């Protein structure tokens, strides 16, 4: 768990440094999106469509995966430490 937190911290620091560098060149996220032919509204719409598709599939899959995982966890042999 500590490794995950350390990795997330490193990503946050790297993002902060890159964002600071881009703002020093007077670039914003909207400018970069416009240069590649997107608008912030298009990106948000795509994210909403992706979530509308993914969320029901995640719930449906978890209805099978979670009980199977729980049964495997219950019946696995005890580990020797």
Protein backbone atom coordinates (compact mmCIF):
# COMPACT_ATOMS: atom_id res chain seq x y z
CA UNK A 1 0.00 0.00 0.00
CA UNK A 2 2.89 2.31 0.76
CA UNK A 3 4.22 1.73 -2.75
CA UNK A 4 0.93 2.87 -4.29
CA UNK A 5 0.90 6.04 -2.20
CA UNK A 6 4.53 6.77 -3.08
CA UNK A 7 3.78 6.29 -6.79
CA UNK A 8 0.74 8.57 -6.61
CA UNK A 9 2.85 11.19 -4.84
CA UNK A 10 5.55 10.99 -7.54
CA UNK A 11 2.91 11.39 -10.26
CA UNK A 12 1.45 14.40 -8.45
CA UNK A 13 4.87 16.06 -8.10
CA UNK A 14 5.76 15.38 -11.75
CA UNK A 15 2.39 16.76 -12.87
CA UNK A 16 2.93 19.87 -10.77
CA UNK A 17 6.37 20.43 -12.28
CA UNK A 18 5.18 19.93 -15.86
CA UNK A 19 2.13 22.13 -15.25
CA UNK A 20 4.36 24.87 -13.85
CA UNK A 21 6.61 24.64 -16.88
CA UNK A 22 3.69 24.81 -19.30
CA UNK A 23 2.19 27.79 -17.52
CA UNK A 24 5.57 29.55 -17.74
CA UNK A 25 5.20 29.27 -21.53
CA UNK A 26 1.63 30.64 -21.19
CA UNK A 27 -0.03 27.37 -22.25
CA UNK A 28 -3.29 26.12 -20.79
CA UNK A 29 -5.14 22.84 -21.09
CA UNK A 30 -7.73 24.52 -23.29
CA UNK A 31 -5.00 25.80 -25.67
CA UNK A 32 -3.51 22.33 -26.01
CA UNK A 33 -6.94 20.77 -26.62
CA UNK A 34 -7.77 23.36 -29.27
CA UNK A 35 -4.49 22.65 -31.05
CA UNK A 36 -5.43 18.98 -31.42
CA UNK A 37 -8.97 19.83 -32.50
CA UNK A 38 -10.90 19.24 -29.29
CA UNK A 39 -12.84 21.47 -26.97
CA UNK A 40 -13.20 21.03 -23.22
CA UNK A 41 -16.90 20.34 -23.80
CA UNK A 42 -16.07 17.50 -26.22
CA UNK A 43 -13.69 15.96 -23.71
CA UNK A 44 -16.26 16.14 -20.90
CA UNK A 45 -18.93 14.64 -23.17
CA UNK A 46 -16.60 11.77 -24.08
CA UNK A 47 -15.82 11.15 -20.40
CA UNK A 48 -19.52 11.12 -19.56
CA UNK A 49 -20.24 8.66 -22.38
CA UNK A 50 -17.38 6.46 -21.21
CA UNK A 51 -18.65 6.43 -17.64
CA UNK A 52 -22.22 5.75 -18.81
CA UNK A 53 -20.91 2.69 -20.66
CA UNK A 54 -18.37 1.47 -18.08
CA UNK A 55 -20.28 1.80 -14.82
CA UNK A 56 -23.08 -0.69 -15.61
CA UNK A 57 -20.51 -3.17 -16.95
CA UNK A 58 -18.37 -2.85 -13.82
CA UNK A 59 -21.40 -3.45 -11.60
CA UNK A 60 -22.50 -6.43 -13.69
CA UNK A 61 -19.04 -7.99 -13.63
CA UNK A 62 -18.63 -7.41 -9.91
CA UNK A 63 -21.82 -9.38 -9.28
CA UNK A 64 -19.90 -12.45 -10.44
CA UNK A 65 -16.31 -11.61 -9.47
CA UNK A 66 -16.88 -10.56 -5.85
CA UNK A 67 -18.73 -13.73 -4.74
CA UNK A 68 -16.23 -15.96 -6.56
CA UNK A 69 -13.31 -14.09 -4.95
CA UNK A 70 -14.98 -14.40 -1.54
CA UNK A 71 -15.43 -18.17 -1.93
CA UNK A 72 -11.83 -18.63 -3.05
CA UNK A 73 -10.67 -16.51 -0.10
CA UNK A 74 -12.75 -18.57 2.34
CA UNK A 75 -11.59 -21.97 1.08
CA UNK A 76 -7.91 -21.34 0.36
CA UNK A 77 -5.54 -23.20 2.65
CA UNK A 78 -3.99 -21.22 5.49
CA UNK A 79 -0.61 -19.76 4.67
CA UNK A 80 2.48 -20.57 6.68
CA UNK A 81 4.32 -17.45 7.79
